[in-house]
PDB file of N, CA and C in Angstrom:
ATOM      1  N   MET A   1       7.230  -3.632  -9.029  1.00  0.00           N
ATOM      2  CA  MET A   1       7.861  -3.766  -7.714  1.00  0.00           C
ATOM      3  C   MET A   1       7.990  -2.414  -6.999  1.00  0.00           C
ATOM      4  N   TRP A   2       8.088  -1.329  -7.765  1.00  0.00           N
ATOM      5  CA  TRP A   2       8.262  -0.042  -7.105  1.00  0.00           C
ATOM      6  C   TRP A   2       7.013   0.352  -6.321  1.00  0.00           C
ATOM      7  N   ILE A   3       5.839  -0.123  -6.772  1.00  0.00           N
ATOM      8  CA  ILE A   3       4.613   0.158  -6.014  1.00  0.00           C
ATOM      9  C   ILE A   3       4.675  -0.544  -4.657  1.00  0.00           C
ATOM     10  N   TRP A   4       5.158  -1.795  -4.664  1.00  0.00           N
ATOM     11  CA  TRP A   4       5.304  -2.519  -3.397  1.00  0.00           C
ATOM     12  C   TRP A   4       6.320  -1.832  -2.500  1.00  0.00           C
ATOM     13  N   GLN A   5       7.395  -1.346  -3.090  1.00  0.00           N
ATOM     14  CA  GLN A   5       8.403  -0.667  -2.276  1.00  0.00           C
ATOM     15  C   GLN A   5       7.842   0.626  -1.690  1.00  0.00           C
ATOM     16  N   ALA A   6       7.061   1.346  -2.483  1.00  0.00           N
ATOM     17  CA  ALA A   6       6.435   2.557  -1.960  1.00  0.00           C
ATOM     18  C   ALA A   6       5.446   2.214  -0.839  1.00  0.00           C
ATOM     19  N   PHE A   7       4.678   1.157  -1.023  1.00  0.00           N
ATOM     20  CA  PHE A   7       3.725   0.716  -0.005  1.00  0.00           C
ATOM     21  C   PHE A   7       4.452   0.312   1.282  1.00  0.00           C
ATOM     22  N   THR A   8       5.528  -0.468   1.148  1.00  0.00           N
ATOM     23  CA  THR A   8       6.270  -0.865   2.343  1.00  0.00           C
ATOM     24  C   THR A   8       6.937   0.350   2.994  1.00  0.00           C
ATOM     25  N   GLY A   9       7.313   1.328   2.183  1.00  0.00           N
ATOM     26  CA  GLY A   9       7.878   2.558   2.741  1.00  0.00           C
ATOM     27  C   GLY A   9       6.869   3.292   3.608  1.00  0.00           C
ATOM     28  N   LEU A  10       5.627   3.371   3.148  1.00  0.00           N
ATOM     29  CA  LEU A  10       4.577   3.995   3.953  1.00  0.00           C
ATOM     30  C   LEU A  10       4.310   3.193   5.226  1.00  0.00           C
ATOM     31  N   LEU A  11       4.269   1.866   5.089  1.00  0.00           N
ATOM     32  CA  LEU A  11       4.094   1.021   6.269  1.00  0.00           C
ATOM     33  C   LEU A  11       5.233   1.217   7.259  1.00  0.00           C
ATOM     34  N   LEU A  12       6.451   1.372   6.726  1.00  0.00           N
ATOM     35  CA  LEU A  12       7.608   1.596   7.605  1.00  0.00           C
ATOM     36  C   LEU A  12       7.462   2.873   8.421  1.00  0.00           C
ATOM     37  N   LEU A  13       6.922   3.909   7.801  1.00  0.00           N
ATOM     38  CA  LEU A  13       6.717   5.153   8.553  1.00  0.00           C
ATOM     39  C   LEU A  13       5.822   4.919   9.766  1.00  0.00           C
ATOM     40  N   VAL A  14       4.750   4.166   9.559  1.00  0.00           N
ATOM     41  CA  VAL A  14       3.817   3.885  10.653  1.00  0.00           C
ATOM     42  C   VAL A  14       4.455   2.952  11.681  1.00  0.00           C
ATOM     43  N   LEU A  15       5.002   1.825  11.197  1.00  0.00           N
ATOM     44  CA  LEU A  15       5.547   0.815  12.101  1.00  0.00           C
ATOM     45  C   LEU A  15       6.762   1.325  12.873  1.00  0.00           C
ATOM     46  N   LEU A  16       7.632   2.059  12.202  1.00  0.00           N
ATOM     47  CA  LEU A  16       8.811   2.595  12.883  1.00  0.00           C
ATOM     48  C   LEU A  16       8.415   3.624  13.930  1.00  0.00           C
ATOM     49  N   THR A  17       7.441   4.456  13.600  1.00  0.00           N
ATOM     50  CA  THR A  17       6.971   5.442  14.578  1.00  0.00           C
ATOM     51  C   THR A  17       6.427   4.743  15.814  1.00  0.00           C
ATOM     52  N   LEU A  18       5.579   3.737  15.614  1.00  0.00           N
ATOM     53  CA  LEU A  18       5.022   3.007  16.753  1.00  0.00           C
ATOM     54  C   LEU A  18       6.111   2.261  17.531  1.00  0.00           C
ATOM     55  N   HIS A  19       7.042   1.671  16.804  1.00  0.00           N
ATOM     56  CA  HIS A  19       8.153   0.964  17.458  1.00  0.00           C
ATOM     57  C   HIS A  19       8.957   1.929  18.338  1.00  0.00           C
ATOM     58  N   MET A  20       9.273   3.090  17.797  1.00  0.00           N
ATOM     59  CA  MET A  20      10.053   4.072  18.564  1.00  0.00           C
ATOM     60  C   MET A  20       9.269   4.562  19.785  1.00  0.00           C
ATOM     61  N   VAL A  21       7.988   4.832  19.601  1.00  0.00           N
ATOM     62  CA  VAL A  21       7.179   5.313  20.724  1.00  0.00           C
ATOM     63  C   VAL A  21       7.129   4.269  21.826  1.00  0.00           C
ATOM     64  N   PHE A  22       6.775   3.028  21.474  1.00  0.00           N
ATOM     65  CA  PHE A  22       6.584   2.002  22.499  1.00  0.00           C
ATOM     66  C   PHE A  22       7.889   1.455  23.085  1.00  0.00           C
ATOM     67  N   ASN A  23       8.978   1.583  22.347  1.00  0.00           N
ATOM     68  CA  ASN A  23      10.233   1.043  22.855  1.00  0.00           C
ATOM     69  C   ASN A  23      11.172   2.087  23.440  1.00  0.00           C
ATOM     70  N   HIS A  24      10.941   3.355  23.149  1.00  0.00           N
ATOM     71  CA  HIS A  24      11.893   4.365  23.603  1.00  0.00           C
ATOM     72  C   HIS A  24      11.252   5.553  24.312  1.00  0.00           C
ATOM     73  N   PHE A  25      10.090   5.996  23.846  1.00  0.00           N
ATOM     74  CA  PHE A  25       9.532   7.224  24.403  1.00  0.00           C
ATOM     75  C   PHE A  25       8.635   7.002  25.613  1.00  0.00           C
ATOM     76  N   VAL A  26       8.011   5.839  25.728  1.00  0.00           N
ATOM     77  CA  VAL A  26       7.138   5.596  26.885  1.00  0.00           C
ATOM     78  C   VAL A  26       7.831   4.771  27.965  1.00  0.00           C
ATOM     79  N   VAL A  27       9.078   4.404  27.719  1.00  0.00           N
ATOM     80  CA  VAL A  27       9.838   3.600  28.670  1.00  0.00           C
ATOM     81  C   VAL A  27      10.701   4.525  29.511  1.00  0.00           C
ATOM     82  N   GLU A  28      10.684   4.299  30.808  1.00  0.00           N
ATOM     83  CA  GLU A  28      11.510   5.109  31.693  1.00  0.00           C
ATOM     84  C   GLU A  28      12.989   4.914  31.347  1.00  0.00           C
ATOM     85  N   GLY A  29      13.701   5.983  31.128  1.00  0.00           N
ATOM     86  CA  GLY A  29      15.113   5.922  30.771  1.00  0.00           C
ATOM     87  C   GLY A  29      15.352   5.799  29.275  1.00  0.00           C
ATOM     88  N   GLY A  30      14.300   5.559  28.494  1.00  0.00           N
ATOM     89  CA  GLY A  30      14.426   5.518  27.039  1.00  0.00           C
ATOM     90  C   GLY A  30      14.801   4.180  26.439  1.00  0.00           C
ATOM     91  N   LEU A  31      15.159   3.197  27.263  1.00  0.00           N
ATOM     92  CA  LEU A  31      15.512   1.870  26.754  1.00  0.00           C
ATOM     93  C   LEU A  31      14.905   0.803  27.648  1.00  0.00           C
ATOM     94  N   ARG A  32      14.494  -0.282  27.023  1.00  0.00           N
ATOM     95  CA  ARG A  32      13.990  -1.420  27.783  1.00  0.00           C
ATOM     96  C   ARG A  32      15.171  -2.312  28.184  1.00  0.00           C
ATOM     97  N   THR A  33      15.084  -2.890  29.360  1.00  0.00           N
ATOM     98  CA  THR A  33      16.081  -3.874  29.770  1.00  0.00           C
ATOM     99  C   THR A  33      15.753  -5.203  29.090  1.00  0.00           C
ATOM    100  N   TYR A  34      16.657  -6.155  29.207  1.00  0.00           N
ATOM    101  CA  TYR A  34      16.414  -7.488  28.635  1.00  0.00           C
ATOM    102  C   TYR A  34      15.111  -8.067  29.175  1.00  0.00           C
ATOM    103  N   ARG A  35      14.925  -7.968  30.466  1.00  0.00           N
ATOM    104  CA  ARG A  35      13.704  -8.485  31.103  1.00  0.00           C
ATOM    105  C   ARG A  35      12.467  -7.768  30.562  1.00  0.00           C
ATOM    106  N   ASP A  36      12.566  -6.455  30.352  1.00  0.00           N
ATOM    107  CA  ASP A  36      11.446  -5.691  29.794  1.00  0.00           C
ATOM    108  C   ASP A  36      11.116  -6.140  28.372  1.00  0.00           C
ATOM    109  N   VAL A  37      12.153  -6.399  27.580  1.00  0.00           N
ATOM    110  CA  VAL A  37      11.943  -6.849  26.203  1.00  0.00           C
ATOM    111  C   VAL A  37      11.248  -8.207  26.181  1.00  0.00           C
ATOM    112  N   VAL A  38      11.688  -9.107  27.033  1.00  0.00           N
ATOM    113  CA  VAL A  38      11.072 -10.433  27.112  1.00  0.00           C
ATOM    114  C   VAL A  38       9.606 -10.298  27.500  1.00  0.00           C
ATOM    115  N   ALA A  39       9.312  -9.480  28.487  1.00  0.00           N
ATOM    116  CA  ALA A  39       7.928  -9.270  28.909  1.00  0.00           C
ATOM    117  C   ALA A  39       7.117  -8.605  27.801  1.00  0.00           C
ATOM    118  N   TYR A  40       7.708  -7.650  27.132  1.00  0.00           N
ATOM    119  CA  TYR A  40       7.044  -6.920  26.046  1.00  0.00           C
ATOM    120  C   TYR A  40       6.684  -7.871  24.912  1.00  0.00           C
ATOM    121  N   LEU A  41       7.619  -8.729  24.508  1.00  0.00           N
ATOM    122  CA  LEU A  41       7.370  -9.663  23.400  1.00  0.00           C
ATOM    123  C   LEU A  41       6.419 -10.790  23.778  1.00  0.00           C
ATOM    124  N   SER A  42       6.182 -10.996  25.043  1.00  0.00           N
ATOM    125  CA  SER A  42       5.294 -12.088  25.436  1.00  0.00           C
ATOM    126  C   SER A  42       3.827 -11.771  25.144  1.00  0.00           C
ATOM    127  N   HIS A  43       3.513 -10.512  24.908  1.00  0.00           N
ATOM    128  CA  HIS A  43       2.145 -10.147  24.540  1.00  0.00           C
ATOM    129  C   HIS A  43       1.925 -10.502  23.062  1.00  0.00           C
ATOM    130  N   PRO A  44       0.872 -11.258  22.722  1.00  0.00           N
ATOM    131  CA  PRO A  44       0.690 -11.731  21.341  1.00  0.00           C
ATOM    132  C   PRO A  44       0.539 -10.610  20.307  1.00  0.00           C
ATOM    133  N   VAL A  45      -0.115  -9.524  20.660  1.00  0.00           N
ATOM    134  CA  VAL A  45      -0.286  -8.419  19.703  1.00  0.00           C
ATOM    135  C   VAL A  45       1.060  -7.747  19.438  1.00  0.00           C
ATOM    136  N   VAL A  46       1.838  -7.537  20.473  1.00  0.00           N
ATOM    137  CA  VAL A  46       3.166  -6.930  20.325  1.00  0.00           C
ATOM    138  C   VAL A  46       4.061  -7.837  19.497  1.00  0.00           C
ATOM    139  N   PHE A  47       4.017  -9.133  19.783  1.00  0.00           N
ATOM    140  CA  PHE A  47       4.824 -10.087  19.032  1.00  0.00           C
ATOM    141  C   PHE A  47       4.473 -10.019  17.543  1.00  0.00           C
ATOM    142  N   ALA A  48       3.187 -10.044  17.216  1.00  0.00           N
ATOM    143  CA  ALA A  48       2.752  -9.978  15.812  1.00  0.00           C
ATOM    144  C   ALA A  48       3.168  -8.651  15.184  1.00  0.00           C
ATOM    145  N   TRP A  49       3.037  -7.569  15.943  1.00  0.00           N
ATOM    146  CA  TRP A  49       3.401  -6.239  15.443  1.00  0.00           C
ATOM    147  C   TRP A  49       4.899  -6.169  15.120  1.00  0.00           C
ATOM    148  N   GLU A  50       5.733  -6.686  15.987  1.00  0.00           N
ATOM    149  CA  GLU A  50       7.177  -6.660  15.768  1.00  0.00           C
ATOM    150  C   GLU A  50       7.582  -7.580  14.609  1.00  0.00           C
ATOM    151  N   ILE A  51       6.908  -8.705  14.449  1.00  0.00           N
ATOM    152  CA  ILE A  51       7.199  -9.589  13.313  1.00  0.00           C
ATOM    153  C   ILE A  51       6.793  -8.904  12.011  1.00  0.00           C
ATOM    154  N   LEU A  52       5.647  -8.234  12.015  1.00  0.00           N
ATOM    155  CA  LEU A  52       5.233  -7.476  10.829  1.00  0.00           C
ATOM    156  C   LEU A  52       6.276  -6.415  10.491  1.00  0.00           C
ATOM    157  N   PHE A  53       6.789  -5.745  11.499  1.00  0.00           N
ATOM    158  CA  PHE A  53       7.835  -4.740  11.308  1.00  0.00           C
ATOM    159  C   PHE A  53       9.069  -5.375  10.659  1.00  0.00           C
ATOM    160  N   LEU A  54       9.477  -6.536  11.150  1.00  0.00           N
ATOM    161  CA  LEU A  54      10.622  -7.255  10.594  1.00  0.00           C
ATOM    162  C   LEU A  54      10.394  -7.611   9.120  1.00  0.00           C
ATOM    163  N   VAL A  55       9.213  -8.118   8.804  1.00  0.00           N
ATOM    164  CA  VAL A  55       8.904  -8.512   7.424  1.00  0.00           C
ATOM    165  C   VAL A  55       8.915  -7.293   6.502  1.00  0.00           C
ATOM    166  N   VAL A  56       8.308  -6.206   6.941  1.00  0.00           N
ATOM    167  CA  VAL A  56       8.230  -5.001   6.108  1.00  0.00           C
ATOM    168  C   VAL A  56       9.620  -4.396   5.899  1.00  0.00           C
ATOM    169  N   VAL A  57      10.421  -4.320   6.948  1.00  0.00           N
ATOM    170  CA  VAL A  57      11.787  -3.775   6.823  1.00  0.00           C
ATOM    171  C   VAL A  57      12.610  -4.623   5.860  1.00  0.00           C
ATOM    172  N   THR A  58      12.527  -5.941   6.018  1.00  0.00           N
ATOM    173  CA  THR A  58      13.307  -6.842   5.167  1.00  0.00           C
ATOM    174  C   THR A  58      12.879  -6.724   3.711  1.00  0.00           C
ATOM    175  N   ALA A  59      11.575  -6.753   3.470  1.00  0.00           N
ATOM    176  CA  ALA A  59      11.071  -6.653   2.095  1.00  0.00           C
ATOM    177  C   ALA A  59      11.484  -5.326   1.472  1.00  0.00           C
ATOM    178  N   HIS A  60      11.300  -4.242   2.199  1.00  0.00           N
ATOM    179  CA  HIS A  60      11.643  -2.922   1.672  1.00  0.00           C
ATOM    180  C   HIS A  60      13.139  -2.821   1.344  1.00  0.00           C
ATOM    181  N   ALA A  61      13.969  -3.309   2.239  1.00  0.00           N
ATOM    182  CA  ALA A  61      15.421  -3.248   2.020  1.00  0.00           C
ATOM    183  C   ALA A  61      15.847  -4.076   0.823  1.00  0.00           C
ATOM    184  N   LEU A  62      15.318  -5.285   0.700  1.00  0.00           N
ATOM    185  CA  LEU A  62      15.739  -6.145  -0.403  1.00  0.00           C
ATOM    186  C   LEU A  62      15.197  -5.661  -1.745  1.00  0.00           C
ATOM    187  N   MET A  63      14.008  -5.063  -1.747  1.00  0.00           N
ATOM    188  CA  MET A  63      13.515  -4.442  -2.988  1.00  0.00           C
ATOM    189  C   MET A  63      14.400  -3.263  -3.376  1.00  0.00           C
ATOM    190  N   GLY A  64      14.910  -2.550  -2.384  1.00  0.00           N
ATOM    191  CA  GLY A  64      15.829  -1.450  -2.663  1.00  0.00           C
ATOM    192  C   GLY A  64      17.142  -1.933  -3.244  1.00  0.00           C
ATOM    193  N   VAL A  65      17.668  -3.033  -2.713  1.00  0.00           N
ATOM    194  CA  VAL A  65      18.898  -3.621  -3.259  1.00  0.00           C
ATOM    195  C   VAL A  65      18.669  -4.036  -4.709  1.00  0.00           C
ATOM    196  N   ARG A  66      17.535  -4.690  -4.976  1.00  0.00           N
ATOM    197  CA  ARG A  66      17.219  -5.122  -6.341  1.00  0.00           C
ATOM    198  C   ARG A  66      17.112  -3.913  -7.279  1.00  0.00           C
ATOM    199  N   ALA A  67      16.460  -2.844  -6.823  1.00  0.00           N
ATOM    200  CA  ALA A  67      16.303  -1.650  -7.652  1.00  0.00           C
ATOM    201  C   ALA A  67      17.663  -1.036  -7.991  1.00  0.00           C
ATOM    202  N   ILE A  68      18.555  -0.995  -7.027  1.00  0.00           N
ATOM    203  CA  ILE A  68      19.894  -0.457  -7.276  1.00  0.00           C
ATOM    204  C   ILE A  68      20.626  -1.306  -8.314  1.00  0.00           C
ATOM    205  N   LEU A  69      20.552  -2.620  -8.165  1.00  0.00           N
ATOM    206  CA  LEU A  69      21.233  -3.496  -9.117  1.00  0.00           C
ATOM    207  C   LEU A  69      20.605  -3.424 -10.506  1.00  0.00           C
ATOM    208  N   LEU A  70      19.292  -3.246 -10.575  1.00  0.00           N
ATOM    209  CA  LEU A  70      18.646  -3.066 -11.875  1.00  0.00           C
ATOM    210  C   LEU A  70      19.108  -1.770 -12.530  1.00  0.00           C
ATOM    211  N   ASP A  71      19.275  -0.731 -11.723  1.00  0.00           N
ATOM    212  CA  ASP A  71      19.770   0.545 -12.255  1.00  0.00           C
ATOM    213  C   ASP A  71      21.188   0.424 -12.807  1.00  0.00           C
ATOM    214  N   LEU A  72      21.930  -0.546 -12.310  1.00  0.00           N
ATOM    215  CA  LEU A  72      23.283  -0.770 -12.815  1.00  0.00           C
ATOM    216  C   LEU A  72      23.290  -1.523 -14.140  1.00  0.00           C
ATOM    217  N   GLY A  73      22.116  -2.008 -14.565  1.00  0.00           N
ATOM    218  CA  GLY A  73      21.992  -2.599 -15.900  1.00  0.00           C
ATOM    219  C   GLY A  73      22.146  -4.102 -15.977  1.00  0.00           C
ATOM    220  N   ILE A  74      21.715  -4.837 -14.973  1.00  0.00           N
ATOM    221  CA  ILE A  74      21.798  -6.295 -15.078  1.00  0.00           C
ATOM    222  C   ILE A  74      20.753  -6.799 -16.073  1.00  0.00           C
ATOM    223  N   GLY A  75      21.019  -7.941 -16.681  1.00  0.00           N
ATOM    224  CA  GLY A  75      20.134  -8.502 -17.685  1.00  0.00           C
ATOM    225  C   GLY A  75      18.967  -9.268 -17.071  1.00  0.00           C
ATOM    226  N   PRO A  76      17.997  -9.664 -17.926  1.00  0.00           N
ATOM    227  CA  PRO A  76      16.816 -10.385 -17.440  1.00  0.00           C
ATOM    228  C   PRO A  76      17.158 -11.727 -16.777  1.00  0.00           C
ATOM    229  N   GLY A  77      18.121 -12.438 -17.328  1.00  0.00           N
ATOM    230  CA  GLY A  77      18.513 -13.716 -16.739  1.00  0.00           C
ATOM    231  C   GLY A  77      19.125 -13.532 -15.359  1.00  0.00           C
ATOM    232  N   THR A  78      19.960 -12.519 -15.244  1.00  0.00           N
ATOM    233  CA  THR A  78      20.568 -12.210 -13.949  1.00  0.00           C
ATOM    234  C   THR A  78      19.510 -11.732 -12.967  1.00  0.00           C
ATOM    235  N   ASP A  79      18.536 -10.973 -13.467  1.00  0.00           N
ATOM    236  CA  ASP A  79      17.464 -10.489 -12.600  1.00  0.00           C
ATOM    237  C   ASP A  79      16.671 -11.659 -12.015  1.00  0.00           C
ATOM    238  N   ARG A  80      16.434 -12.678 -12.810  1.00  0.00           N
ATOM    239  CA  ARG A  80      15.704 -13.853 -12.333  1.00  0.00           C
ATOM    240  C   ARG A  80      16.463 -14.509 -11.179  1.00  0.00           C
ATOM    241  N   TRP A  81      17.770 -14.676 -11.339  1.00  0.00           N
ATOM    242  CA  TRP A  81      18.584 -15.261 -10.260  1.00  0.00           C
ATOM    243  C   TRP A  81      18.670 -14.327  -9.067  1.00  0.00           C
ATOM    244  N   LEU A  82      18.736 -13.030  -9.350  1.00  0.00           N
ATOM    245  CA  LEU A  82      18.788 -12.039  -8.279  1.00  0.00           C
ATOM    246  C   LEU A  82      17.524 -12.103  -7.424  1.00  0.00           C
ATOM    247  N   LYS A  83      16.356 -12.180  -8.078  1.00  0.00           N
ATOM    248  CA  LYS A  83      15.094 -12.286  -7.330  1.00  0.00           C
ATOM    249  C   LYS A  83      15.084 -13.525  -6.443  1.00  0.00           C
ATOM    250  N   ARG A  84      15.531 -14.636  -6.994  1.00  0.00           N
ATOM    251  CA  ARG A  84      15.573 -15.878  -6.215  1.00  0.00           C
ATOM    252  C   ARG A  84      16.527 -15.752  -5.026  1.00  0.00           C
ATOM    253  N   GLY A  85      17.692 -15.190  -5.294  1.00  0.00           N
ATOM    254  CA  GLY A  85      18.682 -15.032  -4.232  1.00  0.00           C
ATOM    255  C   GLY A  85      18.206 -14.089  -3.137  1.00  0.00           C
ATOM    256  N   LEU A  86      17.622 -12.954  -3.536  1.00  0.00           N
ATOM    257  CA  LEU A  86      17.135 -12.003  -2.544  1.00  0.00           C
ATOM    258  C   LEU A  86      15.949 -12.563  -1.773  1.00  0.00           C
ATOM    259  N   THR A  87      15.107 -13.343  -2.450  1.00  0.00           N
ATOM    260  CA  THR A  87      13.993 -14.002  -1.751  1.00  0.00           C
ATOM    261  C   THR A  87      14.529 -14.966  -0.706  1.00  0.00           C
ATOM    262  N   LEU A  88      15.543 -15.728  -1.067  1.00  0.00           N
ATOM    263  CA  LEU A  88      16.150 -16.658  -0.109  1.00  0.00           C
ATOM    264  C   LEU A  88      16.760 -15.910   1.071  1.00  0.00           C
ATOM    265  N   VAL A  89      17.494 -14.849   0.783  1.00  0.00           N
ATOM    266  CA  VAL A  89      18.091 -14.043   1.850  1.00  0.00           C
ATOM    267  C   VAL A  89      16.992 -13.476   2.756  1.00  0.00           C
ATOM    268  N   GLY A  90      15.937 -12.966   2.154  1.00  0.00           N
ATOM    269  CA  GLY A  90      14.826 -12.418   2.932  1.00  0.00           C
ATOM    270  C   GLY A  90      14.177 -13.459   3.816  1.00  0.00           C
ATOM    271  N   LEU A  91      13.951 -14.653   3.280  1.00  0.00           N
ATOM    272  CA  LEU A  91      13.347 -15.721   4.070  1.00  0.00           C
ATOM    273  C   LEU A  91      14.249 -16.136   5.229  1.00  0.00           C
ATOM    274  N   LEU A  92      15.552 -16.174   4.979  1.00  0.00           N
ATOM    275  CA  LEU A  92      16.495 -16.505   6.049  1.00  0.00           C
ATOM    276  C   LEU A  92      16.490 -15.438   7.143  1.00  0.00           C
ATOM    277  N   ILE A  93      16.483 -14.171   6.746  1.00  0.00           N
ATOM    278  CA  ILE A  93      16.462 -13.075   7.713  1.00  0.00           C
ATOM    279  C   ILE A  93      15.182 -13.117   8.539  1.00  0.00           C
ATOM    280  N   ILE A  94      14.054 -13.269   7.856  1.00  0.00           N
ATOM    281  CA  ILE A  94      12.769 -13.299   8.552  1.00  0.00           C
ATOM    282  C   ILE A  94      12.672 -14.537   9.436  1.00  0.00           C
ATOM    283  N   GLY A  95      13.114 -15.680   8.920  1.00  0.00           N
ATOM    284  CA  GLY A  95      13.089 -16.908   9.715  1.00  0.00           C
ATOM    285  C   GLY A  95      13.911 -16.775  10.973  1.00  0.00           C
ATOM    286  N   TYR A  96      15.107 -16.221  10.854  1.00  0.00           N
ATOM    287  CA  TYR A  96      15.961 -16.029  12.034  1.00  0.00           C
ATOM    288  C   TYR A  96      15.320 -15.044  13.009  1.00  0.00           C
ATOM    289  N   GLY A  97      14.767 -13.958  12.491  1.00  0.00           N
ATOM    290  CA  GLY A  97      14.129 -12.965  13.357  1.00  0.00           C
ATOM    291  C   GLY A  97      12.929 -13.520  14.092  1.00  0.00           C
ATOM    292  N   VAL A  98      12.111 -14.317  13.391  1.00  0.00           N
ATOM    293  CA  VAL A  98      10.946 -14.937  14.036  1.00  0.00           C
ATOM    294  C   VAL A  98      11.419 -15.923  15.093  1.00  0.00           C
ATOM    295  N   TRP A  99      12.402 -16.752  14.749  1.00  0.00           N
ATOM    296  CA  TRP A  99      12.926 -17.715  15.719  1.00  0.00           C
ATOM    297  C   TRP A  99      13.464 -17.009  16.958  1.00  0.00           C
ATOM    298  N   LEU A 100      14.264 -15.969  16.751  1.00  0.00           N
ATOM    299  CA  LEU A 100      14.851 -15.252  17.877  1.00  0.00           C
ATOM    300  C   LEU A 100      13.778 -14.592  18.732  1.00  0.00           C
ATOM    301  N   SER A 101      12.795 -13.978  18.094  1.00  0.00           N
ATOM    302  CA  SER A 101      11.707 -13.343  18.844  1.00  0.00           C
ATOM    303  C   SER A 101      10.899 -14.376  19.604  1.00  0.00           C
ATOM    304  N   TRP A 102      10.637 -15.513  18.973  1.00  0.00           N
ATOM    305  CA  TRP A 102       9.894 -16.581  19.633  1.00  0.00           C
ATOM    306  C   TRP A 102      10.684 -17.129  20.833  1.00  0.00           C
ATOM    307  N   TRP A 103      11.978 -17.276  20.627  1.00  0.00           N
ATOM    308  CA  TRP A 103      12.836 -17.770  21.702  1.00  0.00           C
ATOM    309  C   TRP A 103      12.820 -16.793  22.883  1.00  0.00           C
ATOM    310  N   LEU A 104      12.954 -15.506  22.585  1.00  0.00           N
ATOM    311  CA  LEU A 104      12.897 -14.493  23.647  1.00  0.00           C
ATOM    312  C   LEU A 104      11.536 -14.515  24.335  1.00  0.00           C
ATOM    313  N   ARG A 105      10.502 -14.648  23.533  1.00  0.00           N
ATOM    314  CA  ARG A 105       9.146 -14.667  24.079  1.00  0.00           C
ATOM    315  C   ARG A 105       8.960 -15.854  25.020  1.00  0.00           C
ATOM    316  N   SER A 106       9.503 -16.992  24.634  1.00  0.00           N
ATOM    317  CA  SER A 106       9.341 -18.196  25.457  1.00  0.00           C
ATOM    318  C   SER A 106      10.140 -18.097  26.755  1.00  0.00           C
ATOM    319  N   ARG A 107      11.151 -17.243  26.793  1.00  0.00           N
ATOM    320  CA  ARG A 107      11.957 -17.065  28.013  1.00  0.00           C
ATOM    321  C   ARG A 107      11.138 -16.372  29.097  1.00  0.00           C
ATOM    322  N   GLY A 108      10.099 -15.632  28.670  1.00  0.00           N
ATOM    323  CA  GLY A 108       9.268 -14.919  29.641  1.00  0.00           C
ATOM    324  C   GLY A 108       8.179 -15.795  30.232  1.00  0.00           C
ATOM    325  N   ALA A 109       7.936 -16.955  29.613  1.00  0.00           N
ATOM    326  CA  ALA A 109       6.861 -17.831  30.107  1.00  0.00           C
ATOM    327  C   ALA A 109       7.301 -18.630  31.312  1.00  0.00           C
TER     328      ALA A 109
END
């Protein structure tokens, strides 16, 4: 799992840099308005890019939580339940984020 966490960490460097550039540095005033965000998310490539960012952030964070708990010495049985629980939490977070982004995107149509 640490290889996946390292991989997602590298992806985060790229995705976060692009997110910051496109959402803060190229926008007049440094922040997008609600209307700007809706218009921005309506582009299919941007929508996919932001969803990928959400998935990578969530996966990286939850792998980090699991690593911390493993360092505290949980047993194999607990680890199995922990993986299931964190997977469920991750799916809920990603599902909500996709739904919210889709909802915002549809507001621009």
